[in-house]
């Protein structure tokens, strides 16, 4: 399975790290990220797993420098 975080604000590259099959990127505003992720999940009917510090979905949308990049 491929997992990647959904994020709103990307921190400098040193704050991101590769994971098995995906990338983890931290965000300052987790609650806002959760709310935004929920909108995406609801609209795209994606399976969701929310951890304490990250948001992961099987099909993902990553916000990078306020530009939306979609991947499946």
N, C-alpha and C. Protein backbone atom coordinates (compact mmCIF):
# COMPACT_ATOMS: atom_id res chain seq x y z
N UNK A 1 0.84 -1.18 0.00
CA UNK A 1 0.00 0.00 0.00
C UNK A 1 0.88 1.24 0.00
N UNK A 2 0.41 2.27 -0.66
CA UNK A 2 1.16 3.51 -0.73
C UNK A 2 0.49 4.54 0.16
N UNK A 3 1.25 5.11 1.05
CA UNK A 3 0.71 6.13 1.96
C UNK A 3 1.51 7.41 1.82
N UNK A 4 0.84 8.51 1.87
CA UNK A 4 1.51 9.81 1.90
C UNK A 4 0.64 10.74 2.72
N UNK A 5 1.24 11.73 3.30
CA UNK A 5 0.46 12.66 4.10
C UNK A 5 -0.28 13.65 3.23
N UNK A 6 -1.39 14.13 3.74
CA UNK A 6 -2.06 15.29 3.16
C UNK A 6 -1.60 16.46 4.01
N UNK A 7 -1.16 17.54 3.38
CA UNK A 7 -0.73 18.67 4.15
C UNK A 7 -1.17 19.96 3.50
N UNK A 8 -1.23 21.02 4.28
CA UNK A 8 -1.58 22.33 3.75
C UNK A 8 -0.35 23.19 3.57
N UNK A 9 0.52 23.20 4.55
CA UNK A 9 1.70 24.03 4.48
C UNK A 9 2.94 23.16 4.57
N UNK A 10 3.72 23.15 3.53
CA UNK A 10 4.94 22.34 3.54
C UNK A 10 6.03 23.10 4.28
N UNK A 11 6.68 22.42 5.21
CA UNK A 11 7.80 23.02 5.92
C UNK A 11 9.05 22.88 5.06
N UNK A 12 10.15 23.54 5.44
CA UNK A 12 11.39 23.35 4.68
C UNK A 12 11.73 21.87 4.54
N UNK A 13 12.43 21.53 3.49
CA UNK A 13 12.66 20.13 3.14
C UNK A 13 13.25 19.32 4.29
N UNK A 14 14.07 19.92 5.14
CA UNK A 14 14.68 19.18 6.24
C UNK A 14 13.64 18.63 7.21
N UNK A 15 12.41 19.13 7.15
CA UNK A 15 11.36 18.65 8.04
C UNK A 15 10.57 17.49 7.45
N UNK A 16 10.89 17.11 6.23
CA UNK A 16 10.20 15.96 5.64
C UNK A 16 11.18 14.79 5.58
N UNK A 17 10.63 13.58 5.58
CA UNK A 17 11.49 12.40 5.50
C UNK A 17 10.78 11.32 4.71
N UNK A 18 11.54 10.53 3.94
CA UNK A 18 10.91 9.47 3.17
C UNK A 18 10.45 8.33 4.08
N UNK A 19 9.34 7.74 3.73
CA UNK A 19 8.83 6.56 4.41
C UNK A 19 8.69 5.45 3.39
N UNK A 20 8.45 4.23 3.84
CA UNK A 20 8.24 3.12 2.92
C UNK A 20 7.00 3.39 2.07
N UNK A 21 7.19 3.58 0.78
CA UNK A 21 6.07 3.77 -0.13
C UNK A 21 5.42 5.14 -0.08
N UNK A 22 6.09 6.12 0.56
CA UNK A 22 5.48 7.44 0.63
C UNK A 22 6.39 8.44 1.30
N UNK A 23 5.85 9.58 1.64
CA UNK A 23 6.62 10.65 2.26
C UNK A 23 5.82 11.21 3.42
N UNK A 24 6.49 11.47 4.51
CA UNK A 24 5.84 12.11 5.66
C UNK A 24 6.31 13.55 5.70
N UNK A 25 5.38 14.48 5.79
CA UNK A 25 5.72 15.89 5.90
C UNK A 25 4.92 16.47 7.05
N UNK A 26 5.59 17.11 7.97
CA UNK A 26 4.93 17.68 9.15
C UNK A 26 4.26 19.00 8.78
N UNK A 27 3.23 19.34 9.52
CA UNK A 27 2.57 20.62 9.32
C UNK A 27 2.40 21.31 10.66
N UNK A 28 2.48 22.63 10.67
CA UNK A 28 2.31 23.38 11.91
C UNK A 28 0.87 23.31 12.41
N UNK A 29 -0.08 23.35 11.49
CA UNK A 29 -1.49 23.45 11.87
C UNK A 29 -2.20 22.14 11.59
N UNK A 30 -2.07 21.19 12.52
CA UNK A 30 -2.64 19.87 12.30
C UNK A 30 -4.16 19.91 12.22
N UNK A 31 -4.80 20.70 13.07
CA UNK A 31 -6.27 20.74 13.06
C UNK A 31 -6.79 21.26 11.73
N UNK A 32 -6.15 22.27 11.18
CA UNK A 32 -6.57 22.78 9.88
C UNK A 32 -6.32 21.72 8.81
N UNK A 33 -5.20 21.01 8.92
CA UNK A 33 -4.91 19.94 7.96
C UNK A 33 -5.94 18.83 8.04
N UNK A 34 -6.34 18.48 9.26
CA UNK A 34 -7.37 17.45 9.44
C UNK A 34 -8.68 17.87 8.78
N UNK A 35 -9.06 19.12 9.00
CA UNK A 35 -10.32 19.62 8.42
C UNK A 35 -10.25 19.61 6.89
N UNK A 36 -9.13 20.07 6.36
CA UNK A 36 -8.97 20.10 4.91
C UNK A 36 -8.93 18.68 4.35
N UNK A 37 -8.24 17.80 5.05
CA UNK A 37 -8.17 16.40 4.62
C UNK A 37 -9.55 15.77 4.61
N UNK A 38 -10.35 16.08 5.63
CA UNK A 38 -11.69 15.50 5.71
C UNK A 38 -12.53 15.92 4.51
N UNK A 39 -12.39 17.16 4.05
CA UNK A 39 -13.13 17.63 2.86
C UNK A 39 -12.72 16.80 1.64
N UNK A 40 -11.43 16.57 1.50
CA UNK A 40 -10.93 15.79 0.36
C UNK A 40 -11.43 14.35 0.45
N UNK A 41 -11.33 13.78 1.64
CA UNK A 41 -11.75 12.40 1.86
C UNK A 41 -13.24 12.23 1.59
N UNK A 42 -14.04 13.18 2.06
CA UNK A 42 -15.49 13.11 1.83
C UNK A 42 -15.81 13.23 0.35
N UNK A 43 -15.14 14.14 -0.35
CA UNK A 43 -15.46 14.35 -1.76
C UNK A 43 -14.97 13.20 -2.64
N UNK A 44 -13.85 12.59 -2.26
CA UNK A 44 -13.28 11.51 -3.08
C UNK A 44 -13.54 10.12 -2.51
N UNK A 45 -14.24 10.07 -1.37
CA UNK A 45 -14.58 8.80 -0.72
C UNK A 45 -13.33 7.92 -0.52
N UNK A 46 -12.31 8.49 0.12
CA UNK A 46 -11.05 7.79 0.33
C UNK A 46 -11.02 7.10 1.69
N UNK A 47 -10.33 5.95 1.79
CA UNK A 47 -10.11 5.35 3.09
C UNK A 47 -9.14 6.25 3.87
N UNK A 48 -9.37 6.41 5.16
CA UNK A 48 -8.60 7.39 5.94
C UNK A 48 -8.06 6.79 7.22
N UNK A 49 -6.85 7.17 7.55
CA UNK A 49 -6.27 6.85 8.85
C UNK A 49 -5.61 8.12 9.37
N UNK A 50 -6.05 8.62 10.52
CA UNK A 50 -5.47 9.82 11.10
C UNK A 50 -4.69 9.44 12.34
N UNK A 51 -3.40 9.75 12.34
CA UNK A 51 -2.57 9.52 13.51
C UNK A 51 -2.46 10.80 14.33
N UNK A 52 -1.64 10.77 15.36
CA UNK A 52 -1.46 11.95 16.19
C UNK A 52 -0.74 13.07 15.46
N UNK A 53 0.17 12.72 14.56
CA UNK A 53 0.96 13.75 13.90
C UNK A 53 0.86 13.70 12.38
N UNK A 54 0.06 12.84 11.84
CA UNK A 54 -0.03 12.80 10.39
C UNK A 54 -1.41 12.36 9.93
N UNK A 55 -1.64 12.55 8.65
CA UNK A 55 -2.90 12.18 8.01
C UNK A 55 -2.51 11.33 6.81
N UNK A 56 -3.02 10.12 6.73
CA UNK A 56 -2.63 9.22 5.64
C UNK A 56 -3.86 8.71 4.91
N UNK A 57 -3.77 8.62 3.61
CA UNK A 57 -4.83 8.03 2.80
C UNK A 57 -4.19 7.15 1.73
N UNK A 58 -4.94 6.23 1.17
CA UNK A 58 -4.40 5.35 0.14
C UNK A 58 -4.25 6.08 -1.20
N UNK A 59 -5.19 6.91 -1.52
CA UNK A 59 -5.08 7.78 -2.69
C UNK A 59 -4.91 9.17 -2.10
N UNK A 60 -3.99 9.95 -2.62
CA UNK A 60 -3.64 11.12 -1.85
C UNK A 60 -3.58 12.40 -2.67
N UNK A 61 -3.72 13.50 -1.97
CA UNK A 61 -3.54 14.84 -2.53
C UNK A 61 -2.52 15.53 -1.65
N UNK A 62 -1.48 16.05 -2.25
CA UNK A 62 -0.44 16.73 -1.49
C UNK A 62 -0.42 18.20 -1.90
N UNK A 63 -0.45 19.07 -0.92
CA UNK A 63 -0.34 20.50 -1.18
C UNK A 63 1.11 20.90 -0.97
N UNK A 64 1.74 21.41 -2.01
CA UNK A 64 3.15 21.75 -1.96
C UNK A 64 3.30 23.19 -2.42
N UNK A 65 3.69 24.07 -1.52
CA UNK A 65 3.81 25.50 -1.84
C UNK A 65 2.51 26.04 -2.43
N UNK A 66 1.39 25.62 -1.84
CA UNK A 66 0.05 26.05 -2.23
C UNK A 66 -0.33 25.64 -3.65
N UNK A 67 0.38 24.69 -4.23
CA UNK A 67 0.03 24.15 -5.53
C UNK A 67 -0.46 22.72 -5.32
N UNK A 68 -1.60 22.40 -5.84
CA UNK A 68 -2.17 21.07 -5.63
C UNK A 68 -1.56 20.08 -6.61
N UNK A 69 -1.08 18.97 -6.08
CA UNK A 69 -0.52 17.90 -6.89
C UNK A 69 -1.31 16.65 -6.56
N UNK A 70 -1.90 16.01 -7.54
CA UNK A 70 -2.69 14.81 -7.29
C UNK A 70 -1.94 13.58 -7.75
N UNK A 71 -2.11 12.50 -7.01
CA UNK A 71 -1.46 11.25 -7.36
C UNK A 71 -2.35 10.09 -6.96
N UNK A 72 -2.23 8.98 -7.66
CA UNK A 72 -3.01 7.78 -7.32
C UNK A 72 -2.08 6.61 -7.20
